[in-house]
């Protein structure tokens, strides 16, 4: 299966899994189906049994996959920021002489900022802006444990730390927070946070809106005979951790719950429970409603991960943002599509960004 198809299936399974969790009141809300508070000792016992069930395994070797939309070649400078915990956050800086705008660009699941070279170069030209494409902690050249965070929400705290440092160095620049897929979901989590450095606008490419969003595909694409799924989810462990979290136990949140069929030696082959929780907002409506700045959402008409037509009403019903479905673009290619870049240019001119 092509990379894009596998990505779509992976995100689909993640979303369906999360959706189940959100409609399980005894796990999420701390109440039984009858409306009574759960017995903490029983929840603990059941939760511990669930989280220690065997992890899923892949029985066939993974095939090396290439990102067909990377097109490396735009020159950049290496810039390392320091997070509040001392962790190094690596960025690829694409400078634009005389610019008064900065784009902070966030990559998607299993990816890294070097895959955004072409996107960053195009955004630099389209917006006449400096672009910083960052590696999330545990990804690419940034420090941190691969596929894990120290606590739920650390990804967006890293964003706040970088934006704060950029703001201090360039106090009069406008900052646009941009993200693709999981990066878009993290940007939406940032929009929900209070007490963080503000941004001038949000630019989202096929963002992961979360488990309750209508953008989630409810059917999986077909697979070839004998082919293994790109993503396997430890559903029992997620349920168990939800139960333990309900009674205030978080000491097992570092356990792995998402397992990807990638070649041996890949930096990331799994994500922890707390990293999984940090990928997108719990409530996409609240996230969109929290955005008072200009918001542009772009999705390809051939997106394999999400339902393209569902984005516009999802955005319109909860925000003042605008959405464009880019004809012929896929989940990845929307990042560098010429029509998408023209939409970005006109949006920026309209809002004087």
C-alpha atoms as a PDB file:
ATOM      1  CA  UNK A   1       0.000   0.000   0.000  1.00  0.00           C
ATOM      2  CA  UNK A   2       1.215   3.490  -0.756  1.00  0.00           C
ATOM      3  CA  UNK A   3       2.422   5.671   2.057  1.00  0.00           C
ATOM      4  CA  UNK A   4      -0.569   7.975   1.856  1.00  0.00           C
ATOM      5  CA  UNK A   5      -2.987   5.054   2.061  1.00  0.00           C
ATOM      6  CA  UNK A   6      -1.223   3.695   5.092  1.00  0.00           C
ATOM      7  CA  UNK A   7      -1.223   7.072   6.753  1.00  0.00           C
ATOM      8  CA  UNK A   8      -4.944   7.349   6.109  1.00  0.00           C
ATOM      9  CA  UNK A   9      -5.623   3.940   7.613  1.00  0.00           C
ATOM     10  CA  UNK A  10      -3.429   4.709  10.582  1.00  0.00           C
ATOM     11  CA  UNK A  11      -5.194   7.954  11.369  1.00  0.00           C
ATOM     12  CA  UNK A  12      -8.555   6.313  10.752  1.00  0.00           C
ATOM     13  CA  UNK A  13      -7.899   3.553  13.268  1.00  0.00           C
ATOM     14  CA  UNK A  14      -6.573   6.065  15.786  1.00  0.00           C
ATOM     15  CA  UNK A  15      -9.670   8.190  15.397  1.00  0.00           C
ATOM     16  CA  UNK A  16     -12.113   5.295  15.628  1.00  0.00           C
ATOM     17  CA  UNK A  17     -10.319   4.013  18.700  1.00  0.00           C
ATOM     18  CA  UNK A  18     -10.481   7.397  20.367  1.00  0.00           C
ATOM     19  CA  UNK A  19     -14.131   7.803  19.412  1.00  0.00           C
ATOM     20  CA  UNK A  20     -14.979   4.623  21.289  1.00  0.00           C
ATOM     21  CA  UNK A  21     -13.219   5.997  24.337  1.00  0.00           C
ATOM     22  CA  UNK A  22     -15.129   9.240  24.240  1.00  0.00           C
ATOM     23  CA  UNK A  23     -18.482   7.502  24.357  1.00  0.00           C
ATOM     24  CA  UNK A  24     -17.510   5.213  27.241  1.00  0.00           C
ATOM     25  CA  UNK A  25     -18.790   7.241  30.222  1.00  0.00           C
ATOM     26  CA  UNK A  26     -17.503   4.963  32.953  1.00  0.00           C
ATOM     27  CA  UNK A  27     -13.948   5.407  31.628  1.00  0.00           C
ATOM     28  CA  UNK A  28     -13.922   9.035  30.619  1.00  0.00           C
ATOM     29  CA  UNK A  29     -16.267  10.742  33.035  1.00  0.00           C
ATOM     30  CA  UNK A  30     -15.662   8.621  36.096  1.00  0.00           C
ATOM     31  CA  UNK A  31     -19.244   7.365  36.247  1.00  0.00           C
ATOM     32  CA  UNK A  32     -20.865   4.045  35.610  1.00  0.00           C
ATOM     33  CA  UNK A  33     -23.557   3.654  32.978  1.00  0.00           C
ATOM     34  CA  UNK A  34     -26.119   3.890  35.770  1.00  0.00           C
ATOM     35  CA  UNK A  35     -24.778   7.286  36.822  1.00  0.00           C
ATOM     36  CA  UNK A  36     -23.063   6.062  39.991  1.00  0.00           C
ATOM     37  CA  UNK A  37     -19.471   6.834  40.878  1.00  0.00           C
ATOM     38  CA  UNK A  38     -17.261   3.839  40.071  1.00  0.00           C
ATOM     39  CA  UNK A  39     -15.580   1.817  42.788  1.00  0.00           C
ATOM     40  CA  UNK A  40     -11.947   2.970  42.683  1.00  0.00           C
ATOM     41  CA  UNK A  41     -10.512  -0.348  43.803  1.00  0.00           C
ATOM     42  CA  UNK A  42     -12.388  -2.209  41.086  1.00  0.00           C
ATOM     43  CA  UNK A  43     -11.371   0.340  38.481  1.00  0.00           C
ATOM     44  CA  UNK A  44      -7.758   0.005  39.547  1.00  0.00           C
ATOM     45  CA  UNK A  45      -7.868  -3.777  39.411  1.00  0.00           C
ATOM     46  CA  UNK A  46      -9.569  -3.834  36.015  1.00  0.00           C
ATOM     47  CA  UNK A  47      -7.336  -1.089  34.658  1.00  0.00           C
ATOM     48  CA  UNK A  48      -4.149  -2.874  35.686  1.00  0.00           C
ATOM     49  CA  UNK A  49      -5.330  -6.075  34.058  1.00  0.00           C
ATOM     50  CA  UNK A  50      -6.057  -4.274  30.810  1.00  0.00           C
ATOM     51  CA  UNK A  51      -2.812  -2.310  30.538  1.00  0.00           C
ATOM     52  CA  UNK A  52      -0.678  -5.420  30.980  1.00  0.00           C
ATOM     53  CA  UNK A  53      -2.244  -7.387  28.147  1.00  0.00           C
ATOM     54  CA  UNK A  54       0.315  -8.335  25.444  1.00  0.00           C
ATOM     55  CA  UNK A  55       1.369  -5.628  23.023  1.00  0.00           C
ATOM     56  CA  UNK A  56       0.514  -6.083  19.334  1.00  0.00           C
ATOM     57  CA  UNK A  57       3.276  -7.338  17.045  1.00  0.00           C
ATOM     58  CA  UNK A  58       3.952  -7.279  13.309  1.00  0.00           C
ATOM     59  CA  UNK A  59       4.784 -10.609  11.703  1.00  0.00           C
ATOM     60  CA  UNK A  60       6.238  -9.360   8.433  1.00  0.00           C
ATOM     61  CA  UNK A  61       9.141  -6.962   7.849  1.00  0.00           C
ATOM     62  CA  UNK A  62       8.227  -3.393   7.027  1.00  0.00           C
ATOM     63  CA  UNK A  63       9.128  -1.910   3.664  1.00  0.00           C
ATOM     64  CA  UNK A  64      11.052   1.352   3.513  1.00  0.00           C
ATOM     65  CA  UNK A  65       8.722   4.142   2.421  1.00  0.00           C
ATOM     66  CA  UNK A  66       9.664   7.373   0.693  1.00  0.00           C
ATOM     67  CA  UNK A  67       7.930  10.698   1.107  1.00  0.00           C
ATOM     68  CA  UNK A  68       7.192  11.652  -2.480  1.00  0.00           C
ATOM     69  CA  UNK A  69       6.423  15.267  -1.603  1.00  0.00           C
ATOM     70  CA  UNK A  70       9.577  16.192   0.284  1.00  0.00           C
ATOM     71  CA  UNK A  71      11.597  17.675  -2.604  1.00  0.00           C
ATOM     72  CA  UNK A  72      14.542  18.767  -0.449  1.00  0.00           C
ATOM     73  CA  UNK A  73      16.724  21.541  -1.701  1.00  0.00           C
ATOM     74  CA  UNK A  74      15.632  24.875  -0.265  1.00  0.00           C
ATOM     75  CA  UNK A  75      18.536  26.300   1.773  1.00  0.00           C
ATOM     76  CA  UNK A  76      18.069  26.639   5.512  1.00  0.00           C
ATOM     77  CA  UNK A  77      19.902  27.411   8.712  1.00  0.00           C
ATOM     78  CA  UNK A  78      19.897  25.189  11.785  1.00  0.00           C
ATOM     79  CA  UNK A  79      18.390  26.853  14.836  1.00  0.00           C
ATOM     80  CA  UNK A  80      18.031  25.116  18.187  1.00  0.00           C
ATOM     81  CA  UNK A  81      15.638  26.379  20.843  1.00  0.00           C
ATOM     82  CA  UNK A  82      15.563  25.309  24.483  1.00  0.00           C
ATOM     83  CA  UNK A  83      12.358  24.073  26.077  1.00  0.00           C
ATOM     84  CA  UNK A  84      11.452  24.858  29.686  1.00  0.00           C
ATOM     85  CA  UNK A  85      12.771  21.453  30.787  1.00  0.00           C
ATOM     86  CA  UNK A  86      16.096  22.015  29.025  1.00  0.00           C
ATOM     87  CA  UNK A  87      15.258  19.792  26.060  1.00  0.00           C
ATOM     88  CA  UNK A  88      16.710  20.852  22.701  1.00  0.00           C
ATOM     89  CA  UNK A  89      14.111  21.665  20.039  1.00  0.00           C
ATOM     90  CA  UNK A  90      15.597  21.665  16.547  1.00  0.00           C
ATOM     91  CA  UNK A  91      14.239  23.866  13.770  1.00  0.00           C
ATOM     92  CA  UNK A  92      15.037  24.394  10.106  1.00  0.00           C
ATOM     93  CA  UNK A  93      15.113  28.147   9.561  1.00  0.00           C
ATOM     94  CA  UNK A  94      14.306  29.436   6.082  1.00  0.00           C
ATOM     95  CA  UNK A  95      15.178  33.147   6.325  1.00  0.00           C
ATOM     96  CA  UNK A  96      13.568  35.857   4.222  1.00  0.00           C
ATOM     97  CA  UNK A  97      15.399  39.166   4.099  1.00  0.00           C
ATOM     98  CA  UNK A  98      13.328  42.136   5.213  1.00  0.00           C
ATOM     99  CA  UNK A  99      10.373  40.045   6.368  1.00  0.00           C
ATOM    100  CA  UNK A 100       8.195  41.073   9.304  1.00  0.00           C
ATOM    101  CA  UNK A 101       6.343  37.768   9.431  1.00  0.00           C
ATOM    102  CA  UNK A 102       7.370  34.405  10.890  1.00  0.00           C
ATOM    103  CA  UNK A 103       5.756  31.037  10.183  1.00  0.00           C
ATOM    104  CA  UNK A 104       6.262  28.263  12.742  1.00  0.00           C
ATOM    105  CA  UNK A 105       5.544  25.040  10.846  1.00  0.00           C
ATOM    106  CA  UNK A 106       4.624  21.768  12.605  1.00  0.00           C
ATOM    107  CA  UNK A 107       4.926  18.290  11.060  1.00  0.00           C
ATOM    108  CA  UNK A 108       2.669  15.264  11.361  1.00  0.00           C
ATOM    109  CA  UNK A 109       2.795  11.834  12.979  1.00  0.00           C
ATOM    110  CA  UNK A 110       5.997   9.761  12.566  1.00  0.00           C
ATOM    111  CA  UNK A 111       7.440  12.585  10.501  1.00  0.00           C
ATOM    112  CA  UNK A 112      10.075  15.266  10.983  1.00  0.00           C
ATOM    113  CA  UNK A 113      10.640  18.815   9.805  1.00  0.00           C
ATOM    114  CA  UNK A 114      13.060  17.822   7.043  1.00  0.00           C
ATOM    115  CA  UNK A 115      10.003  16.415   5.227  1.00  0.00           C
ATOM    116  CA  UNK A 116       8.626  19.967   5.137  1.00  0.00           C
ATOM    117  CA  UNK A 117      11.516  21.479   3.189  1.00  0.00           C
ATOM    118  CA  UNK A 118       9.456  22.069   0.045  1.00  0.00           C
ATOM    119  CA  UNK A 119       6.458  23.360   2.000  1.00  0.00           C
ATOM    120  CA  UNK A 120       8.635  25.729   4.003  1.00  0.00           C
ATOM    121  CA  UNK A 121      10.313  27.102   0.903  1.00  0.00           C
ATOM    122  CA  UNK A 122       6.974  27.728  -0.781  1.00  0.00           C
ATOM    123  CA  UNK A 123       5.518  29.399   2.308  1.00  0.00           C
ATOM    124  CA  UNK A 124       8.556  31.639   2.552  1.00  0.00           C
ATOM    125  CA  UNK A 125       7.941  32.878  -0.993  1.00  0.00           C
ATOM    126  CA  UNK A 126       4.140  32.964  -0.752  1.00  0.00           C
ATOM    127  CA  UNK A 127       4.012  34.917   2.511  1.00  0.00           C
ATOM    128  CA  UNK A 128       7.331  36.757   2.181  1.00  0.00           C
ATOM    129  CA  UNK A 129       8.101  35.387   5.620  1.00  0.00           C
ATOM    130  CA  UNK A 130      10.755  33.692   7.671  1.00  0.00           C
ATOM    131  CA  UNK A 131       9.830  30.051   8.220  1.00  0.00           C
ATOM    132  CA  UNK A 132      10.871  27.836  11.121  1.00  0.00           C
ATOM    133  CA  UNK A 133      10.003  24.169  10.574  1.00  0.00           C
ATOM    134  CA  UNK A 134      10.394  22.436  13.921  1.00  0.00           C
ATOM    135  CA  UNK A 135      11.000  18.865  14.973  1.00  0.00           C
ATOM    136  CA  UNK A 136       8.642  17.950  17.797  1.00  0.00           C
ATOM    137  CA  UNK A 137      10.429  16.544  20.825  1.00  0.00           C
ATOM    138  CA  UNK A 138      11.381  12.936  20.225  1.00  0.00           C
ATOM    139  CA  UNK A 139      11.229  13.493  16.457  1.00  0.00           C
ATOM    140  CA  UNK A 140      13.895  14.296  13.888  1.00  0.00           C
ATOM    141  CA  UNK A 141      16.858  16.125  15.380  1.00  0.00           C
ATOM    142  CA  UNK A 142      15.139  17.347  18.545  1.00  0.00           C
ATOM    143  CA  UNK A 143      15.949  15.825  21.897  1.00  0.00           C
ATOM    144  CA  UNK A 144      13.525  13.783  23.933  1.00  0.00           C
ATOM    145  CA  UNK A 145      12.260  10.234  24.123  1.00  0.00           C
ATOM    146  CA  UNK A 146      11.014   9.053  20.711  1.00  0.00           C
ATOM    147  CA  UNK A 147       7.242   8.743  20.646  1.00  0.00           C
ATOM    148  CA  UNK A 148       6.779  10.019  24.186  1.00  0.00           C
ATOM    149  CA  UNK A 149       6.345  13.189  26.204  1.00  0.00           C
ATOM    150  CA  UNK A 150       6.764  13.781  29.923  1.00  0.00           C
ATOM    151  CA  UNK A 151       3.115  14.749  30.343  1.00  0.00           C
ATOM    152  CA  UNK A 152       0.003  15.266  28.262  1.00  0.00           C
ATOM    153  CA  UNK A 153       0.207  18.644  26.566  1.00  0.00           C
ATOM    154  CA  UNK A 154       3.983  18.925  26.401  1.00  0.00           C
ATOM    155  CA  UNK A 155       3.976  19.293  22.623  1.00  0.00           C
ATOM    156  CA  UNK A 156       2.062  22.564  22.814  1.00  0.00           C
ATOM    157  CA  UNK A 157       4.186  23.743  25.735  1.00  0.00           C
ATOM    158  CA  UNK A 158       7.201  23.327  23.455  1.00  0.00           C
ATOM    159  CA  UNK A 159       5.407  25.489  20.894  1.00  0.00           C
ATOM    160  CA  UNK A 160       4.852  28.136  23.546  1.00  0.00           C
ATOM    161  CA  UNK A 161       8.541  28.082  24.460  1.00  0.00           C
ATOM    162  CA  UNK A 162       9.657  28.562  20.858  1.00  0.00           C
ATOM    163  CA  UNK A 163       7.124  31.300  20.156  1.00  0.00           C
ATOM    164  CA  UNK A 164       8.102  33.047  23.373  1.00  0.00           C
ATOM    165  CA  UNK A 165      11.758  33.068  22.359  1.00  0.00           C
ATOM    166  CA  UNK A 166      10.903  34.265  18.852  1.00  0.00           C
ATOM    167  CA  UNK A 167       8.702  36.971  20.308  1.00  0.00           C
ATOM    168  CA  UNK A 168      11.499  38.237  22.536  1.00  0.00           C
ATOM    169  CA  UNK A 169      13.932  38.342  19.624  1.00  0.00           C
ATOM    170  CA  UNK A 170      11.464  39.770  17.091  1.00  0.00           C
ATOM    171  CA  UNK A 171       8.919  41.739  19.153  1.00  0.00           C
ATOM    172  CA  UNK A 172       7.339  43.449  16.148  1.00  0.00           C
ATOM    173  CA  UNK A 173       6.991  40.417  13.872  1.00  0.00           C
ATOM    174  CA  UNK A 174       3.685  38.691  13.206  1.00  0.00           C
ATOM    175  CA  UNK A 175       3.792  34.962  13.904  1.00  0.00           C
ATOM    176  CA  UNK A 176       1.670  32.449  12.004  1.00  0.00           C
ATOM    177  CA  UNK A 177       1.271  29.001  13.568  1.00  0.00           C
ATOM    178  CA  UNK A 178       0.990  26.407  10.793  1.00  0.00           C
ATOM    179  CA  UNK A 179       0.636  22.652  11.038  1.00  0.00           C
ATOM    180  CA  UNK A 180       0.016  19.559   8.931  1.00  0.00           C
ATOM    181  CA  UNK A 181      -2.115  16.641  10.152  1.00  0.00           C
ATOM    182  CA  UNK A 182      -0.979  15.912  13.733  1.00  0.00           C
ATOM    183  CA  UNK A 183       0.855  19.244  13.628  1.00  0.00           C
ATOM    184  CA  UNK A 184      -2.471  20.915  12.940  1.00  0.00           C
ATOM    185  CA  UNK A 185      -3.995  19.076  15.879  1.00  0.00           C
ATOM    186  CA  UNK A 186      -1.208  20.302  18.144  1.00  0.00           C
ATOM    187  CA  UNK A 187      -1.752  23.848  16.855  1.00  0.00           C
ATOM    188  CA  UNK A 188      -5.415  23.558  17.844  1.00  0.00           C
ATOM    189  CA  UNK A 189      -4.408  22.390  21.309  1.00  0.00           C
ATOM    190  CA  UNK A 190      -2.210  25.493  21.498  1.00  0.00           C
ATOM    191  CA  UNK A 191      -5.236  27.645  20.655  1.00  0.00           C
ATOM    192  CA  UNK A 192      -6.995  26.247  23.720  1.00  0.00           C
ATOM    193  CA  UNK A 193      -4.206  27.132  26.138  1.00  0.00           C
ATOM    194  CA  UNK A 194      -4.270  30.269  28.240  1.00  0.00           C
ATOM    195  CA  UNK A 195      -1.250  32.280  29.284  1.00  0.00           C
ATOM    196  CA  UNK A 196       0.782  31.437  26.177  1.00  0.00           C
ATOM    197  CA  UNK A 197       2.355  33.864  23.692  1.00  0.00           C
ATOM    198  CA  UNK A 198      -0.267  34.921  21.130  1.00  0.00           C
ATOM    199  CA  UNK A 199       0.025  34.319  17.404  1.00  0.00           C
ATOM    200  CA  UNK A 200      -1.295  36.448  14.552  1.00  0.00           C
ATOM    201  CA  UNK A 201      -2.963  33.645  12.568  1.00  0.00           C
ATOM    202  CA  UNK A 202      -3.446  29.890  12.188  1.00  0.00           C
ATOM    203  CA  UNK A 203      -2.755  27.992   8.955  1.00  0.00           C
ATOM    204  CA  UNK A 204      -3.758  24.322   9.022  1.00  0.00           C
ATOM    205  CA  UNK A 205      -3.154  21.672   6.368  1.00  0.00           C
ATOM    206  CA  UNK A 206      -5.551  18.698   6.764  1.00  0.00           C
ATOM    207  CA  UNK A 207      -5.476  19.010  10.563  1.00  0.00           C
ATOM    208  CA  UNK A 208      -6.220  16.126  12.903  1.00  0.00           C
ATOM    209  CA  UNK A 209      -9.342  17.497  14.611  1.00  0.00           C
ATOM    210  CA  UNK A 210      -9.794  14.674  17.077  1.00  0.00           C
ATOM    211  CA  UNK A 211     -12.089  11.791  17.945  1.00  0.00           C
ATOM    212  CA  UNK A 212     -15.433  13.592  17.841  1.00  0.00           C
ATOM    213  CA  UNK A 213     -14.910  15.383  14.523  1.00  0.00           C
ATOM    214  CA  UNK A 214     -17.053  14.640  11.450  1.00  0.00           C
ATOM    215  CA  UNK A 215     -13.855  14.650   9.388  1.00  0.00           C
ATOM    216  CA  UNK A 216     -13.077  11.115  10.562  1.00  0.00           C
ATOM    217  CA  UNK A 217     -13.557   8.420   7.936  1.00  0.00           C
ATOM    218  CA  UNK A 218     -15.862   5.660   9.158  1.00  0.00           C
ATOM    219  CA  UNK A 219     -14.714   3.072   6.610  1.00  0.00           C
ATOM    220  CA  UNK A 220     -11.212   1.762   6.058  1.00  0.00           C
ATOM    221  CA  UNK A 221      -9.588   1.566   2.623  1.00  0.00           C
ATOM    222  CA  UNK A 222      -9.129  -1.958   1.212  1.00  0.00           C
ATOM    223  CA  UNK A 223      -5.943  -3.890   1.931  1.00  0.00           C
ATOM    224  CA  UNK A 224      -4.175  -6.481  -0.180  1.00  0.00           C
ATOM    225  CA  UNK A 225      -4.339 -10.137   0.802  1.00  0.00           C
ATOM    226  CA  UNK A 226      -1.891 -10.843   3.623  1.00  0.00           C
ATOM    227  CA  UNK A 227      -0.999  -7.209   4.135  1.00  0.00           C
ATOM    228  CA  UNK A 228      -0.652  -6.014   7.701  1.00  0.00           C
ATOM    229  CA  UNK A 229      -2.139  -2.706   8.835  1.00  0.00           C
ATOM    230  CA  UNK A 230       0.283   0.179   9.113  1.00  0.00           C
ATOM    231  CA  UNK A 231      -0.975   0.925  12.623  1.00  0.00           C
ATOM    232  CA  UNK A 232      -1.967  -1.415  15.431  1.00  0.00           C
ATOM    233  CA  UNK A 233      -3.607  -0.022  18.542  1.00  0.00           C
ATOM    234  CA  UNK A 234      -3.400  -1.494  22.032  1.00  0.00           C
ATOM    235  CA  UNK A 235      -7.061  -0.802  22.657  1.00  0.00           C
ATOM    236  CA  UNK A 236      -7.190  -2.697  25.948  1.00  0.00           C
ATOM    237  CA  UNK A 237      -4.307  -0.640  27.290  1.00  0.00           C
ATOM    238  CA  UNK A 238      -5.974   2.626  26.302  1.00  0.00           C
ATOM    239  CA  UNK A 239      -9.166   1.600  28.072  1.00  0.00           C
ATOM    240  CA  UNK A 240      -7.185   0.549  31.129  1.00  0.00           C
ATOM    241  CA  UNK A 241      -5.247   3.809  31.259  1.00  0.00           C
ATOM    242  CA  UNK A 242      -8.465   5.790  30.890  1.00  0.00           C
ATOM    243  CA  UNK A 243      -9.810   3.903  33.894  1.00  0.00           C
ATOM    244  CA  UNK A 244      -6.674   4.534  35.947  1.00  0.00           C
ATOM    245  CA  UNK A 245      -6.627   8.209  34.969  1.00  0.00           C
ATOM    246  CA  UNK A 246     -10.211   8.479  36.191  1.00  0.00           C
ATOM    247  CA  UNK A 247      -9.033   7.657  39.712  1.00  0.00           C
ATOM    248  CA  UNK A 248      -5.983   9.900  39.474  1.00  0.00           C
ATOM    249  CA  UNK A 249      -3.339   7.338  38.560  1.00  0.00           C
ATOM    250  CA  UNK A 250      -0.973   8.516  35.824  1.00  0.00           C
ATOM    251  CA  UNK A 251       2.171   6.503  36.577  1.00  0.00           C
ATOM    252  CA  UNK A 252       1.525   4.206  33.607  1.00  0.00           C
ATOM    253  CA  UNK A 253       0.870   6.921  31.016  1.00  0.00           C
ATOM    254  CA  UNK A 254       4.275   6.299  29.398  1.00  0.00           C
ATOM    255  CA  UNK A 255       3.157   2.861  28.194  1.00  0.00           C
ATOM    256  CA  UNK A 256       2.943   2.454  24.426  1.00  0.00           C
ATOM    257  CA  UNK A 257      -0.479   2.353  22.777  1.00  0.00           C
ATOM    258  CA  UNK A 258       0.135   3.085  19.062  1.00  0.00           C
ATOM    259  CA  UNK A 259       2.392   0.702  17.121  1.00  0.00           C
ATOM    260  CA  UNK A 260       3.504   1.409  13.547  1.00  0.00           C
ATOM    261  CA  UNK A 261       4.758  -1.009  10.915  1.00  0.00           C
ATOM    262  CA  UNK A 262       8.036   0.729  10.108  1.00  0.00           C
ATOM    263  CA  UNK A 263      11.502  -0.667   9.310  1.00  0.00           C
ATOM    264  CA  UNK A 264      13.849  -1.691  12.106  1.00  0.00           C
ATOM    265  CA  UNK A 265      16.005   1.220  13.132  1.00  0.00           C
ATOM    266  CA  UNK A 266      13.319   3.865  12.625  1.00  0.00           C
ATOM    267  CA  UNK A 267      13.547   6.486  15.349  1.00  0.00           C
ATOM    268  CA  UNK A 268       9.842   6.207  16.112  1.00  0.00           C
ATOM    269  CA  UNK A 269       7.856   2.996  15.865  1.00  0.00           C
ATOM    270  CA  UNK A 270       5.294   3.663  18.598  1.00  0.00           C
ATOM    271  CA  UNK A 271       3.669   6.407  20.647  1.00  0.00           C
ATOM    272  CA  UNK A 272       2.871   6.410  24.333  1.00  0.00           C
ATOM    273  CA  UNK A 273      -0.558   7.001  25.791  1.00  0.00           C
ATOM    274  CA  UNK A 274       0.305  10.526  26.880  1.00  0.00           C
ATOM    275  CA  UNK A 275       1.805  11.353  23.474  1.00  0.00           C
ATOM    276  CA  UNK A 276      -1.340  10.029  21.816  1.00  0.00           C
ATOM    277  CA  UNK A 277      -3.453  12.253  24.057  1.00  0.00           C
ATOM    278  CA  UNK A 278      -1.307  15.246  23.060  1.00  0.00           C
ATOM    279  CA  UNK A 279      -1.822  14.946  19.301  1.00  0.00           C
ATOM    280  CA  UNK A 280      -5.124  16.771  18.928  1.00  0.00           C
ATOM    281  CA  UNK A 281      -7.762  18.645  20.935  1.00  0.00           C
ATOM    282  CA  UNK A 282     -10.269  16.681  22.980  1.00  0.00           C
ATOM    283  CA  UNK A 283     -12.959  19.064  21.700  1.00  0.00           C
ATOM    284  CA  UNK A 284     -12.349  20.456  18.224  1.00  0.00           C
ATOM    285  CA  UNK A 285     -15.333  22.816  18.519  1.00  0.00           C
ATOM    286  CA  UNK A 286     -13.864  24.458  21.603  1.00  0.00           C
ATOM    287  CA  UNK A 287     -10.495  24.720  19.874  1.00  0.00           C
ATOM    288  CA  UNK A 288     -11.931  26.463  16.825  1.00  0.00           C
ATOM    289  CA  UNK A 289     -14.063  28.719  19.012  1.00  0.00           C
ATOM    290  CA  UNK A 290     -10.948  29.773  20.919  1.00  0.00           C
ATOM    291  CA  UNK A 291      -9.338  31.136  17.751  1.00  0.00           C
ATOM    292  CA  UNK A 292     -10.007  34.850  17.369  1.00  0.00           C
ATOM    293  CA  UNK A 293      -7.245  35.363  14.827  1.00  0.00           C
ATOM    294  CA  UNK A 294      -7.473  34.703  11.079  1.00  0.00           C
ATOM    295  CA  UNK A 295      -7.761  30.972  10.420  1.00  0.00           C
ATOM    296  CA  UNK A 296      -7.275  29.134   7.136  1.00  0.00           C
ATOM    297  CA  UNK A 297      -7.830  25.387   6.735  1.00  0.00           C
ATOM    298  CA  UNK A 298      -6.756  23.586   3.563  1.00  0.00           C
ATOM    299  CA  UNK A 299      -7.539  19.967   2.710  1.00  0.00           C
ATOM    300  CA  UNK A 300      -7.122  17.977  -0.487  1.00  0.00           C
ATOM    301  CA  UNK A 301     -10.143  16.593  -2.328  1.00  0.00           C
ATOM    302  CA  UNK A 302      -8.324  13.241  -2.445  1.00  0.00           C
ATOM    303  CA  UNK A 303      -7.291  13.216   1.219  1.00  0.00           C
ATOM    304  CA  UNK A 304      -6.882   9.579   2.291  1.00  0.00           C
ATOM    305  CA  UNK A 305      -7.035  10.198   6.035  1.00  0.00           C
ATOM    306  CA  UNK A 306     -10.070  12.434   6.462  1.00  0.00           C
ATOM    307  CA  UNK A 307     -13.398  13.395   4.876  1.00  0.00           C
ATOM    308  CA  UNK A 308     -12.591  16.548   2.881  1.00  0.00           C
ATOM    309  CA  UNK A 309     -16.166  17.830   2.599  1.00  0.00           C
ATOM    310  CA  UNK A 310     -16.629  17.703   6.377  1.00  0.00           C
ATOM    311  CA  UNK A 311     -13.971  20.306   7.109  1.00  0.00           C
ATOM    312  CA  UNK A 312     -15.848  23.407   5.937  1.00  0.00           C
ATOM    313  CA  UNK A 313     -18.936  22.942   8.161  1.00  0.00           C
ATOM    314  CA  UNK A 314     -16.753  21.859  11.079  1.00  0.00           C
ATOM    315  CA  UNK A 315     -14.745  25.070  10.819  1.00  0.00           C
ATOM    316  CA  UNK A 316     -17.646  27.368   9.917  1.00  0.00           C
ATOM    317  CA  UNK A 317     -19.919  26.211  12.741  1.00  0.00           C
ATOM    318  CA  UNK A 318     -17.360  26.939  15.453  1.00  0.00           C
ATOM    319  CA  UNK A 319     -15.192  29.784  14.167  1.00  0.00           C
ATOM    320  CA  UNK A 320     -14.763  32.656  11.756  1.00  0.00           C
ATOM    321  CA  UNK A 321     -12.188  30.653   9.828  1.00  0.00           C
ATOM    322  CA  UNK A 322     -12.317  29.747   6.157  1.00  0.00           C
ATOM    323  CA  UNK A 323     -11.793  26.373   4.503  1.00  0.00           C
ATOM    324  CA  UNK A 324     -10.800  25.426   0.983  1.00  0.00           C
ATOM    325  CA  UNK A 325     -10.878  21.944  -0.512  1.00  0.00           C
ATOM    326  CA  UNK A 326      -8.004  21.781  -2.984  1.00  0.00           C
ATOM    327  CA  UNK A 327      -9.019  19.792  -6.047  1.00  0.00           C
ATOM    328  CA  UNK A 328      -6.790  16.798  -6.747  1.00  0.00           C
ATOM    329  CA  UNK A 329      -4.587  17.216  -3.679  1.00  0.00           C
ATOM    330  CA  UNK A 330      -3.932  14.351  -1.255  1.00  0.00           C
ATOM    331  CA  UNK A 331      -3.260  14.326   2.472  1.00  0.00           C
ATOM    332  CA  UNK A 332       0.412  15.081   1.870  1.00  0.00           C
ATOM    333  CA  UNK A 333       0.427  16.946  -1.436  1.00  0.00           C
ATOM    334  CA  UNK A 334      -1.876  19.680  -0.131  1.00  0.00           C
ATOM    335  CA  UNK A 335       1.230  20.979   1.641  1.00  0.00           C
ATOM    336  CA  UNK A 336       2.811  22.090  -1.622  1.00  0.00           C
ATOM    337  CA  UNK A 337      -0.079  22.383  -4.058  1.00  0.00           C
ATOM    338  CA  UNK A 338       0.060  25.538  -6.208  1.00  0.00           C
ATOM    339  CA  UNK A 339      -3.646  26.267  -5.738  1.00  0.00           C
ATOM    340  CA  UNK A 340      -3.231  25.905  -1.984  1.00  0.00           C
ATOM    341  CA  UNK A 341      -0.379  28.399  -2.040  1.00  0.00           C
ATOM    342  CA  UNK A 342      -2.486  30.867  -4.022  1.00  0.00           C
ATOM    343  CA  UNK A 343      -5.280  30.532  -1.439  1.00  0.00           C
ATOM    344  CA  UNK A 344      -2.753  31.216   1.292  1.00  0.00           C
ATOM    345  CA  UNK A 345      -1.470  34.278  -0.528  1.00  0.00           C
ATOM    346  CA  UNK A 346      -4.938  35.785  -0.982  1.00  0.00           C
ATOM    347  CA  UNK A 347      -5.876  34.988   2.625  1.00  0.00           C
ATOM    348  CA  UNK A 348      -2.760  36.730   3.913  1.00  0.00           C
ATOM    349  CA  UNK A 349      -3.374  39.781   1.726  1.00  0.00           C
ATOM    350  CA  UNK A 350      -6.985  40.010   2.889  1.00  0.00           C
ATOM    351  CA  UNK A 351      -5.981  39.920   6.554  1.00  0.00           C
ATOM    352  CA  UNK A 352      -2.837  42.008   6.045  1.00  0.00           C
ATOM    353  CA  UNK A 353      -0.666  39.349   7.614  1.00  0.00           C
END
